[in-house]
């Protein structure tokens, strides 16, 4: 059944790939209408997240952001499906780095770089990294349950030279590249919800106490990697710009959680520019800070938010 599902999806995507771009976005409009009005896709979660993040906004504003979110999500679905068929030249036009020279210096110095981003605008379009930069690009991902789709996912994202690595294998992989003195760029999306047992840091994010992953910070300190934030802007449908913002060149000098906190503030500011372009359908605040404290009573004496 898994193979049959893969064949059916792949065949439909190939048919879509031959359609002109304006028609693809007409299909995206239909997908948006379906998600919003017919399927009501995670509408309760989206609405709750928006109300908690923007408690002072009227319902009309919340509904407006939600409607724009569905439209943007539909674009992402179409764009992510089509990326495997786009050429190098086409991708370079659709995802443009504003200041790629920022990383040139670190390549010449043989430094690893960790690029921290979020589920904002089109985070799936990682291929331009391999096209634009001299570093060996490493994409960290969570393996898919369907092995056929997993293989297709890795093939699509590695076709321009990126090394696609499961989350649990990133430390080993960076040691391998360090041993042969190849500087890398590792892309990390750090705005997911950590598992309860993995939580080590809470901060204020979008008007809520929020647990944050600290893995990128630990990785940076372990490998003395430069840490950069990627600010992605949506120029129009199917066209994005990426601006790189330095977080730190010297991770070992950073105080505990300082890198994570700087990342969080950059992420929050980016989301506030156009809230509809963040992934509001994710259950980011599934459990609260108060619930976590009940599970970790020792945190009362150590946690800075208490």
C-alpha atoms as a PDB file:
ATOM      1  CA  UNK A   1       0.000   0.000   0.000  1.00  0.00           C
ATOM      2  CA  UNK A   2       2.847   2.390   0.814  1.00  0.00           C
ATOM      3  CA  UNK A   3       4.390   1.817  -2.608  1.00  0.00           C
ATOM      4  CA  UNK A   4       1.011   2.238  -4.332  1.00  0.00           C
ATOM      5  CA  UNK A   5       0.453   5.554  -2.518  1.00  0.00           C
ATOM      6  CA  UNK A   6       3.894   6.712  -3.609  1.00  0.00           C
ATOM      7  CA  UNK A   7       3.225   5.782  -7.265  1.00  0.00           C
ATOM      8  CA  UNK A   8      -0.145   7.585  -7.312  1.00  0.00           C
ATOM      9  CA  UNK A   9       1.246  10.773  -5.746  1.00  0.00           C
ATOM     10  CA  UNK A  10       4.329  10.784  -7.990  1.00  0.00           C
ATOM     11  CA  UNK A  11       2.246  10.339 -11.130  1.00  0.00           C
ATOM     12  CA  UNK A  12      -0.036  13.230 -10.202  1.00  0.00           C
ATOM     13  CA  UNK A  13       2.914  15.472  -9.414  1.00  0.00           C
ATOM     14  CA  UNK A  14       4.476  14.748 -12.794  1.00  0.00           C
ATOM     15  CA  UNK A  15       1.232  15.766 -14.456  1.00  0.00           C
ATOM     16  CA  UNK A  16       1.142  18.990 -12.446  1.00  0.00           C
ATOM     17  CA  UNK A  17       4.753  19.739 -13.334  1.00  0.00           C
ATOM     18  CA  UNK A  18       3.939  20.312 -16.983  1.00  0.00           C
ATOM     19  CA  UNK A  19       1.333  22.971 -16.183  1.00  0.00           C
ATOM     20  CA  UNK A  20       2.225  26.673 -16.554  1.00  0.00           C
ATOM     21  CA  UNK A  21       2.971  28.492 -13.313  1.00  0.00           C
ATOM     22  CA  UNK A  22      -0.158  30.744 -13.331  1.00  0.00           C
ATOM     23  CA  UNK A  23      -2.350  27.655 -13.598  1.00  0.00           C
ATOM     24  CA  UNK A  24      -0.523  26.004 -10.693  1.00  0.00           C
ATOM     25  CA  UNK A  25      -1.437  28.938  -8.471  1.00  0.00           C
ATOM     26  CA  UNK A  26      -5.040  28.727  -9.601  1.00  0.00           C
ATOM     27  CA  UNK A  27      -4.926  25.172  -8.287  1.00  0.00           C
ATOM     28  CA  UNK A  28      -3.401  26.568  -5.099  1.00  0.00           C
ATOM     29  CA  UNK A  29      -6.413  28.886  -4.787  1.00  0.00           C
ATOM     30  CA  UNK A  30      -8.680  25.838  -4.955  1.00  0.00           C
ATOM     31  CA  UNK A  31      -6.563  24.066  -2.330  1.00  0.00           C
ATOM     32  CA  UNK A  32      -6.808  27.154  -0.103  1.00  0.00           C
ATOM     33  CA  UNK A  33     -10.604  27.238  -0.404  1.00  0.00           C
ATOM     34  CA  UNK A  34     -10.777  23.527   0.413  1.00  0.00           C
ATOM     35  CA  UNK A  35      -8.542  23.845   3.474  1.00  0.00           C
ATOM     36  CA  UNK A  36     -10.436  26.842   4.812  1.00  0.00           C
ATOM     37  CA  UNK A  37     -14.081  26.293   3.962  1.00  0.00           C
ATOM     38  CA  UNK A  38     -14.547  22.585   3.205  1.00  0.00           C
ATOM     39  CA  UNK A  39     -12.028  20.729   5.345  1.00  0.00           C
ATOM     40  CA  UNK A  40     -11.651  23.422   8.028  1.00  0.00           C
ATOM     41  CA  UNK A  41      -8.098  22.132   8.329  1.00  0.00           C
ATOM     42  CA  UNK A  42      -6.974  22.507  11.964  1.00  0.00           C
ATOM     43  CA  UNK A  43      -9.062  25.659  12.201  1.00  0.00           C
ATOM     44  CA  UNK A  44      -9.496  25.380  15.949  1.00  0.00           C
ATOM     45  CA  UNK A  45      -5.742  25.026  16.537  1.00  0.00           C
ATOM     46  CA  UNK A  46      -4.910  27.868  14.148  1.00  0.00           C
ATOM     47  CA  UNK A  47      -7.471  30.201  15.714  1.00  0.00           C
ATOM     48  CA  UNK A  48      -6.369  29.375  19.254  1.00  0.00           C
ATOM     49  CA  UNK A  49      -2.705  29.939  18.394  1.00  0.00           C
ATOM     50  CA  UNK A  50      -3.457  33.283  16.756  1.00  0.00           C
ATOM     51  CA  UNK A  51      -5.621  34.505  19.650  1.00  0.00           C
ATOM     52  CA  UNK A  52      -2.938  33.592  22.176  1.00  0.00           C
ATOM     53  CA  UNK A  53      -0.205  35.230  20.118  1.00  0.00           C
ATOM     54  CA  UNK A  54      -2.228  38.397  19.468  1.00  0.00           C
ATOM     55  CA  UNK A  55      -4.543  38.757  22.467  1.00  0.00           C
ATOM     56  CA  UNK A  56      -5.323  42.418  21.764  1.00  0.00           C
ATOM     57  CA  UNK A  57      -6.425  41.893  18.163  1.00  0.00           C
ATOM     58  CA  UNK A  58     -10.168  41.765  17.368  1.00  0.00           C
ATOM     59  CA  UNK A  59     -11.743  38.631  15.926  1.00  0.00           C
ATOM     60  CA  UNK A  60     -11.910  40.253  12.507  1.00  0.00           C
ATOM     61  CA  UNK A  61      -8.112  40.607  12.459  1.00  0.00           C
ATOM     62  CA  UNK A  62      -7.619  37.011  13.606  1.00  0.00           C
ATOM     63  CA  UNK A  63      -9.929  35.792  10.848  1.00  0.00           C
ATOM     64  CA  UNK A  64      -8.051  37.875   8.276  1.00  0.00           C
ATOM     65  CA  UNK A  65      -4.683  36.391   9.284  1.00  0.00           C
ATOM     66  CA  UNK A  66      -6.173  32.885   9.255  1.00  0.00           C
ATOM     67  CA  UNK A  67      -7.550  33.351   5.749  1.00  0.00           C
ATOM     68  CA  UNK A  68      -4.162  34.601   4.494  1.00  0.00           C
ATOM     69  CA  UNK A  69      -2.483  31.683   6.241  1.00  0.00           C
ATOM     70  CA  UNK A  70      -4.606  29.151   4.338  1.00  0.00           C
ATOM     71  CA  UNK A  71      -3.716  30.869   1.077  1.00  0.00           C
ATOM     72  CA  UNK A  72      -0.023  30.801   1.930  1.00  0.00           C
ATOM     73  CA  UNK A  73      -0.189  27.173   3.101  1.00  0.00           C
ATOM     74  CA  UNK A  74      -1.760  26.189  -0.218  1.00  0.00           C
ATOM     75  CA  UNK A  75       1.104  27.917  -2.045  1.00  0.00           C
ATOM     76  CA  UNK A  76       3.588  25.939   0.055  1.00  0.00           C
ATOM     77  CA  UNK A  77       1.890  22.658  -0.775  1.00  0.00           C
ATOM     78  CA  UNK A  78       2.109  23.335  -4.499  1.00  0.00           C
ATOM     79  CA  UNK A  79       5.645  24.765  -4.368  1.00  0.00           C
ATOM     80  CA  UNK A  80       7.035  21.963  -2.212  1.00  0.00           C
ATOM     81  CA  UNK A  81       5.535  19.369  -4.518  1.00  0.00           C
ATOM     82  CA  UNK A  82       7.010  21.037  -7.597  1.00  0.00           C
ATOM     83  CA  UNK A  83      10.536  21.709  -6.342  1.00  0.00           C
ATOM     84  CA  UNK A  84      11.827  18.328  -7.487  1.00  0.00           C
ATOM     85  CA  UNK A  85      11.108  19.310 -11.093  1.00  0.00           C
ATOM     86  CA  UNK A  86      12.661  22.786 -11.055  1.00  0.00           C
ATOM     87  CA  UNK A  87      15.984  23.433 -12.728  1.00  0.00           C
ATOM     88  CA  UNK A  88      19.003  25.049 -11.100  1.00  0.00           C
ATOM     89  CA  UNK A  89      18.425  28.281 -13.038  1.00  0.00           C
ATOM     90  CA  UNK A  90      14.743  28.408 -12.114  1.00  0.00           C
ATOM     91  CA  UNK A  91      15.422  27.882  -8.425  1.00  0.00           C
ATOM     92  CA  UNK A  92      18.029  30.655  -8.423  1.00  0.00           C
ATOM     93  CA  UNK A  93      15.348  33.061  -9.651  1.00  0.00           C
ATOM     94  CA  UNK A  94      12.704  31.882  -7.215  1.00  0.00           C
ATOM     95  CA  UNK A  95      14.829  31.886  -4.052  1.00  0.00           C
ATOM     96  CA  UNK A  96      17.360  34.727  -4.038  1.00  0.00           C
ATOM     97  CA  UNK A  97      20.021  35.305  -1.380  1.00  0.00           C
ATOM     98  CA  UNK A  98      20.411  39.033  -0.705  1.00  0.00           C
ATOM     99  CA  UNK A  99      23.863  38.862   0.938  1.00  0.00           C
ATOM    100  CA  UNK A 100      25.547  35.517   0.163  1.00  0.00           C
ATOM    101  CA  UNK A 101      28.965  37.144   0.596  1.00  0.00           C
ATOM    102  CA  UNK A 102      28.477  36.997   4.366  1.00  0.00           C
ATOM    103  CA  UNK A 103      29.416  33.306   4.363  1.00  0.00           C
ATOM    104  CA  UNK A 104      32.333  33.582   1.910  1.00  0.00           C
ATOM    105  CA  UNK A 105      34.671  34.723   4.690  1.00  0.00           C
ATOM    106  CA  UNK A 106      33.862  31.713   6.858  1.00  0.00           C
ATOM    107  CA  UNK A 107      34.421  29.286   3.998  1.00  0.00           C
ATOM    108  CA  UNK A 108      37.877  30.772   3.416  1.00  0.00           C
ATOM    109  CA  UNK A 109      38.585  30.370   7.143  1.00  0.00           C
ATOM    110  CA  UNK A 110      37.428  26.756   7.074  1.00  0.00           C
ATOM    111  CA  UNK A 111      34.618  27.463   9.572  1.00  0.00           C
ATOM    112  CA  UNK A 112      31.435  25.459   9.923  1.00  0.00           C
ATOM    113  CA  UNK A 113      28.227  27.507   9.780  1.00  0.00           C
ATOM    114  CA  UNK A 114      24.856  26.750  11.351  1.00  0.00           C
ATOM    115  CA  UNK A 115      21.951  28.521   9.673  1.00  0.00           C
ATOM    116  CA  UNK A 116      18.924  28.801  11.955  1.00  0.00           C
ATOM    117  CA  UNK A 117      15.526  29.349  10.408  1.00  0.00           C
ATOM    118  CA  UNK A 118      11.870  28.694  11.110  1.00  0.00           C
ATOM    119  CA  UNK A 119       8.690  27.357   9.568  1.00  0.00           C
ATOM    120  CA  UNK A 120       8.186  30.665   7.839  1.00  0.00           C
ATOM    121  CA  UNK A 121       7.577  31.373   4.156  1.00  0.00           C
ATOM    122  CA  UNK A 122       9.043  28.510   2.130  1.00  0.00           C
ATOM    123  CA  UNK A 123      11.478  26.730   4.442  1.00  0.00           C
ATOM    124  CA  UNK A 124      11.441  23.636   2.197  1.00  0.00           C
ATOM    125  CA  UNK A 125      13.340  25.315  -0.620  1.00  0.00           C
ATOM    126  CA  UNK A 126      16.802  24.398   0.669  1.00  0.00           C
ATOM    127  CA  UNK A 127      18.283  23.497  -2.714  1.00  0.00           C
ATOM    128  CA  UNK A 128      19.531  27.058  -3.465  1.00  0.00           C
ATOM    129  CA  UNK A 129      21.983  26.729  -0.555  1.00  0.00           C
ATOM    130  CA  UNK A 130      23.919  24.063  -2.461  1.00  0.00           C
ATOM    131  CA  UNK A 131      23.791  26.150  -5.617  1.00  0.00           C
ATOM    132  CA  UNK A 132      24.871  29.430  -4.013  1.00  0.00           C
ATOM    133  CA  UNK A 133      27.538  28.559  -1.439  1.00  0.00           C
ATOM    134  CA  UNK A 134      30.920  26.800  -1.537  1.00  0.00           C
ATOM    135  CA  UNK A 135      30.340  25.095   1.814  1.00  0.00           C
ATOM    136  CA  UNK A 136      29.141  21.505   1.868  1.00  0.00           C
ATOM    137  CA  UNK A 137      25.462  21.848   2.733  1.00  0.00           C
ATOM    138  CA  UNK A 138      23.896  19.529   5.300  1.00  0.00           C
ATOM    139  CA  UNK A 139      20.146  19.310   5.589  1.00  0.00           C
ATOM    140  CA  UNK A 140      18.843  17.904   8.878  1.00  0.00           C
ATOM    141  CA  UNK A 141      15.487  16.177   8.620  1.00  0.00           C
ATOM    142  CA  UNK A 142      13.096  13.838  10.402  1.00  0.00           C
ATOM    143  CA  UNK A 143      12.756  10.536   8.481  1.00  0.00           C
ATOM    144  CA  UNK A 144       9.314   9.852   7.002  1.00  0.00           C
ATOM    145  CA  UNK A 145       7.321   6.747   7.926  1.00  0.00           C
ATOM    146  CA  UNK A 146       6.776   5.787   4.282  1.00  0.00           C
ATOM    147  CA  UNK A 147      10.187   4.587   3.076  1.00  0.00           C
ATOM    148  CA  UNK A 148       9.359   5.380  -0.574  1.00  0.00           C
ATOM    149  CA  UNK A 149       8.443   8.986   0.193  1.00  0.00           C
ATOM    150  CA  UNK A 150      11.473   9.205   2.492  1.00  0.00           C
ATOM    151  CA  UNK A 151      13.783   8.146  -0.319  1.00  0.00           C
ATOM    152  CA  UNK A 152      12.131  10.615  -2.711  1.00  0.00           C
ATOM    153  CA  UNK A 153      12.449  13.406  -0.124  1.00  0.00           C
ATOM    154  CA  UNK A 154      16.173  12.789   0.307  1.00  0.00           C
ATOM    155  CA  UNK A 155      16.739  12.455  -3.441  1.00  0.00           C
ATOM    156  CA  UNK A 156      14.979  15.749  -4.169  1.00  0.00           C
ATOM    157  CA  UNK A 157      16.871  17.738  -1.555  1.00  0.00           C
ATOM    158  CA  UNK A 158      20.255  16.227  -2.352  1.00  0.00           C
ATOM    159  CA  UNK A 159      20.183  16.565  -6.141  1.00  0.00           C
ATOM    160  CA  UNK A 160      22.399  19.672  -6.103  1.00  0.00           C
ATOM    161  CA  UNK A 161      24.900  18.211  -3.646  1.00  0.00           C
ATOM    162  CA  UNK A 162      23.383  18.620  -0.170  1.00  0.00           C
ATOM    163  CA  UNK A 163      23.994  15.855   2.355  1.00  0.00           C
ATOM    164  CA  UNK A 164      20.624  14.976   3.910  1.00  0.00           C
ATOM    165  CA  UNK A 165      21.080  13.626   7.431  1.00  0.00           C
ATOM    166  CA  UNK A 166      18.565  12.336  10.029  1.00  0.00           C
ATOM    167  CA  UNK A 167      18.432  14.427  13.203  1.00  0.00           C
ATOM    168  CA  UNK A 168      20.155  11.759  15.248  1.00  0.00           C
ATOM    169  CA  UNK A 169      23.136  11.601  12.901  1.00  0.00           C
ATOM    170  CA  UNK A 170      24.189  15.246  12.661  1.00  0.00           C
ATOM    171  CA  UNK A 171      26.979  15.150  15.291  1.00  0.00           C
ATOM    172  CA  UNK A 172      28.625  12.136  13.664  1.00  0.00           C
ATOM    173  CA  UNK A 173      28.314  13.756  10.244  1.00  0.00           C
ATOM    174  CA  UNK A 174      29.939  17.022  11.375  1.00  0.00           C
ATOM    175  CA  UNK A 175      32.821  15.077  12.913  1.00  0.00           C
ATOM    176  CA  UNK A 176      33.306  13.321   9.569  1.00  0.00           C
ATOM    177  CA  UNK A 177      33.510  16.598   7.655  1.00  0.00           C
ATOM    178  CA  UNK A 178      35.726  18.159  10.345  1.00  0.00           C
ATOM    179  CA  UNK A 179      38.192  15.268  10.074  1.00  0.00           C
ATOM    180  CA  UNK A 180      38.622  15.840   6.344  1.00  0.00           C
ATOM    181  CA  UNK A 181      38.599  19.628   6.813  1.00  0.00           C
ATOM    182  CA  UNK A 182      35.518  20.383   4.720  1.00  0.00           C
ATOM    183  CA  UNK A 183      33.559  23.405   6.046  1.00  0.00           C
ATOM    184  CA  UNK A 184      29.816  22.884   6.156  1.00  0.00           C
ATOM    185  CA  UNK A 185      26.544  24.782   6.316  1.00  0.00           C
ATOM    186  CA  UNK A 186      23.997  22.987   8.492  1.00  0.00           C
ATOM    187  CA  UNK A 187      20.402  24.123   8.173  1.00  0.00           C
ATOM    188  CA  UNK A 188      18.380  23.924  11.398  1.00  0.00           C
ATOM    189  CA  UNK A 189      14.692  24.761  11.858  1.00  0.00           C
ATOM    190  CA  UNK A 190      14.408  25.569  15.551  1.00  0.00           C
ATOM    191  CA  UNK A 191      10.796  26.591  16.157  1.00  0.00           C
ATOM    192  CA  UNK A 192       9.290  23.147  16.657  1.00  0.00           C
ATOM    193  CA  UNK A 193       7.868  22.012  19.958  1.00  0.00           C
ATOM    194  CA  UNK A 194      10.392  19.950  21.957  1.00  0.00           C
ATOM    195  CA  UNK A 195       9.294  16.772  23.688  1.00  0.00           C
ATOM    196  CA  UNK A 196       8.600  17.342  27.385  1.00  0.00           C
ATOM    197  CA  UNK A 197      11.662  15.373  28.485  1.00  0.00           C
ATOM    198  CA  UNK A 198      13.908  17.360  26.132  1.00  0.00           C
ATOM    199  CA  UNK A 199      12.964  20.824  27.385  1.00  0.00           C
ATOM    200  CA  UNK A 200      15.851  22.787  28.876  1.00  0.00           C
ATOM    201  CA  UNK A 201      14.915  26.392  28.127  1.00  0.00           C
ATOM    202  CA  UNK A 202      11.771  28.518  28.206  1.00  0.00           C
ATOM    203  CA  UNK A 203      11.405  32.080  26.967  1.00  0.00           C
ATOM    204  CA  UNK A 204       8.720  34.594  25.984  1.00  0.00           C
ATOM    205  CA  UNK A 205       7.722  34.105  22.364  1.00  0.00           C
ATOM    206  CA  UNK A 206       4.621  35.557  20.701  1.00  0.00           C
ATOM    207  CA  UNK A 207       3.122  36.601  24.057  1.00  0.00           C
ATOM    208  CA  UNK A 208       3.498  33.124  25.560  1.00  0.00           C
ATOM    209  CA  UNK A 209       6.028  31.238  27.628  1.00  0.00           C
ATOM    210  CA  UNK A 210       7.492  28.877  25.066  1.00  0.00           C
ATOM    211  CA  UNK A 211       9.871  25.924  25.223  1.00  0.00           C
ATOM    212  CA  UNK A 212      12.713  26.225  22.714  1.00  0.00           C
ATOM    213  CA  UNK A 213      15.138  23.711  21.267  1.00  0.00           C
ATOM    214  CA  UNK A 214      18.729  24.367  22.320  1.00  0.00           C
ATOM    215  CA  UNK A 215      20.307  21.802  19.998  1.00  0.00           C
ATOM    216  CA  UNK A 216      21.637  24.344  17.510  1.00  0.00           C
ATOM    217  CA  UNK A 217      23.391  26.268  20.270  1.00  0.00           C
ATOM    218  CA  UNK A 218      24.995  23.104  21.644  1.00  0.00           C
ATOM    219  CA  UNK A 219      26.076  22.059  18.164  1.00  0.00           C
ATOM    220  CA  UNK A 220      27.622  25.462  17.511  1.00  0.00           C
ATOM    221  CA  UNK A 221      29.637  25.342  20.736  1.00  0.00           C
ATOM    222  CA  UNK A 222      30.754  21.773  20.110  1.00  0.00           C
ATOM    223  CA  UNK A 223      32.143  22.550  16.646  1.00  0.00           C
ATOM    224  CA  UNK A 224      32.950  26.260  17.092  1.00  0.00           C
ATOM    225  CA  UNK A 225      30.498  26.981  14.296  1.00  0.00           C
ATOM    226  CA  UNK A 226      29.396  30.437  13.193  1.00  0.00           C
ATOM    227  CA  UNK A 227      25.665  30.890  13.813  1.00  0.00           C
ATOM    228  CA  UNK A 228      23.533  32.778  11.305  1.00  0.00           C
ATOM    229  CA  UNK A 229      19.806  33.485  11.122  1.00  0.00           C
ATOM    230  CA  UNK A 230      18.027  33.277   7.775  1.00  0.00           C
ATOM    231  CA  UNK A 231      15.313  35.893   7.292  1.00  0.00           C
ATOM    232  CA  UNK A 232      13.044  34.776   4.435  1.00  0.00           C
ATOM    233  CA  UNK A 233      10.772  37.259   2.704  1.00  0.00           C
ATOM    234  CA  UNK A 234       7.984  36.537   0.232  1.00  0.00           C
ATOM    235  CA  UNK A 235       8.177  38.946  -2.689  1.00  0.00           C
ATOM    236  CA  UNK A 236       5.214  37.378  -4.463  1.00  0.00           C
ATOM    237  CA  UNK A 237       3.825  33.903  -5.012  1.00  0.00           C
ATOM    238  CA  UNK A 238       6.706  31.607  -5.870  1.00  0.00           C
ATOM    239  CA  UNK A 239       9.450  34.193  -5.303  1.00  0.00           C
ATOM    240  CA  UNK A 240      11.390  34.552  -2.044  1.00  0.00           C
ATOM    241  CA  UNK A 241      14.413  36.436  -0.773  1.00  0.00           C
ATOM    242  CA  UNK A 242      16.759  35.312   1.984  1.00  0.00           C
ATOM    243  CA  UNK A 243      18.811  37.701   4.116  1.00  0.00           C
ATOM    244  CA  UNK A 244      21.490  36.233   6.389  1.00  0.00           C
ATOM    245  CA  UNK A 245      21.928  37.831   9.823  1.00  0.00           C
ATOM    246  CA  UNK A 246      24.909  37.021  12.010  1.00  0.00           C
ATOM    247  CA  UNK A 247      24.069  35.757  15.504  1.00  0.00           C
ATOM    248  CA  UNK A 248      27.617  35.007  16.623  1.00  0.00           C
ATOM    249  CA  UNK A 249      31.074  34.241  15.298  1.00  0.00           C
ATOM    250  CA  UNK A 250      32.271  33.011  18.688  1.00  0.00           C
ATOM    251  CA  UNK A 251      29.737  30.569  20.173  1.00  0.00           C
ATOM    252  CA  UNK A 252      32.070  29.534  22.991  1.00  0.00           C
ATOM    253  CA  UNK A 253      31.952  33.092  24.369  1.00  0.00           C
ATOM    254  CA  UNK A 254      28.147  33.152  24.477  1.00  0.00           C
ATOM    255  CA  UNK A 255      26.379  32.790  27.810  1.00  0.00           C
ATOM    256  CA  UNK A 256      24.102  29.753  28.294  1.00  0.00           C
ATOM    257  CA  UNK A 257      20.987  30.084  26.096  1.00  0.00           C
ATOM    258  CA  UNK A 258      22.200  33.414  24.668  1.00  0.00           C
ATOM    259  CA  UNK A 259      22.324  32.069  21.113  1.00  0.00           C
ATOM    260  CA  UNK A 260      18.880  30.485  21.468  1.00  0.00           C
ATOM    261  CA  UNK A 261      17.472  33.732  22.836  1.00  0.00           C
ATOM    262  CA  UNK A 262      18.922  35.836  19.996  1.00  0.00           C
ATOM    263  CA  UNK A 263      17.500  33.370  17.502  1.00  0.00           C
ATOM    264  CA  UNK A 264      14.073  33.554  19.156  1.00  0.00           C
ATOM    265  CA  UNK A 265      13.973  37.350  18.969  1.00  0.00           C
ATOM    266  CA  UNK A 266      14.970  37.339  15.279  1.00  0.00           C
ATOM    267  CA  UNK A 267      12.363  34.676  14.535  1.00  0.00           C
ATOM    268  CA  UNK A 268       9.642  36.576  16.384  1.00  0.00           C
ATOM    269  CA  UNK A 269      10.417  39.844  14.585  1.00  0.00           C
ATOM    270  CA  UNK A 270      10.306  38.051  11.235  1.00  0.00           C
ATOM    271  CA  UNK A 271       6.923  36.486  12.018  1.00  0.00           C
ATOM    272  CA  UNK A 272       5.481  39.836  13.127  1.00  0.00           C
ATOM    273  CA  UNK A 273       6.337  41.332   9.717  1.00  0.00           C
ATOM    274  CA  UNK A 274       3.752  39.043   8.106  1.00  0.00           C
ATOM    275  CA  UNK A 275       2.093  36.731  10.647  1.00  0.00           C
ATOM    276  CA  UNK A 276       0.159  34.758   8.045  1.00  0.00           C
ATOM    277  CA  UNK A 277       3.362  33.236   6.686  1.00  0.00           C
ATOM    278  CA  UNK A 278       4.230  31.208   9.805  1.00  0.00           C
ATOM    279  CA  UNK A 279       3.022  27.646  10.415  1.00  0.00           C
ATOM    280  CA  UNK A 280       0.104  28.326  12.767  1.00  0.00           C
ATOM    281  CA  UNK A 281      -1.383  24.866  12.227  1.00  0.00           C
ATOM    282  CA  UNK A 282       1.382  23.290  14.308  1.00  0.00           C
ATOM    283  CA  UNK A 283       0.474  22.488  17.950  1.00  0.00           C
ATOM    284  CA  UNK A 284       3.380  24.593  19.166  1.00  0.00           C
ATOM    285  CA  UNK A 285       1.962  25.169  22.650  1.00  0.00           C
ATOM    286  CA  UNK A 286       0.488  21.720  23.280  1.00  0.00           C
ATOM    287  CA  UNK A 287       1.506  21.856  26.920  1.00  0.00           C
ATOM    288  CA  UNK A 288       2.120  24.892  29.082  1.00  0.00           C
ATOM    289  CA  UNK A 289       4.951  26.165  31.200  1.00  0.00           C
ATOM    290  CA  UNK A 290       2.882  25.526  34.330  1.00  0.00           C
ATOM    291  CA  UNK A 291       2.303  21.900  33.318  1.00  0.00           C
ATOM    292  CA  UNK A 292       6.023  21.449  32.783  1.00  0.00           C
ATOM    293  CA  UNK A 293       6.819  22.914  36.213  1.00  0.00           C
ATOM    294  CA  UNK A 294       4.554  20.348  37.858  1.00  0.00           C
ATOM    295  CA  UNK A 295       6.581  17.622  36.144  1.00  0.00           C
ATOM    296  CA  UNK A 296       9.886  19.316  37.069  1.00  0.00           C
ATOM    297  CA  UNK A 297       9.525  20.787  40.557  1.00  0.00           C
ATOM    298  CA  UNK A 298      13.288  21.345  40.867  1.00  0.00           C
ATOM    299  CA  UNK A 299      12.979  23.999  38.133  1.00  0.00           C
ATOM    300  CA  UNK A 300      11.470  26.385  40.692  1.00  0.00           C
ATOM    301  CA  UNK A 301      14.922  27.000  42.135  1.00  0.00           C
ATOM    302  CA  UNK A 302      16.790  27.266  38.847  1.00  0.00           C
ATOM    303  CA  UNK A 303      14.480  28.500  36.123  1.00  0.00           C
ATOM    304  CA  UNK A 304      14.856  32.239  35.313  1.00  0.00           C
ATOM    305  CA  UNK A 305      11.168  32.611  34.448  1.00  0.00           C
ATOM    306  CA  UNK A 306       9.961  31.586  37.896  1.00  0.00           C
END
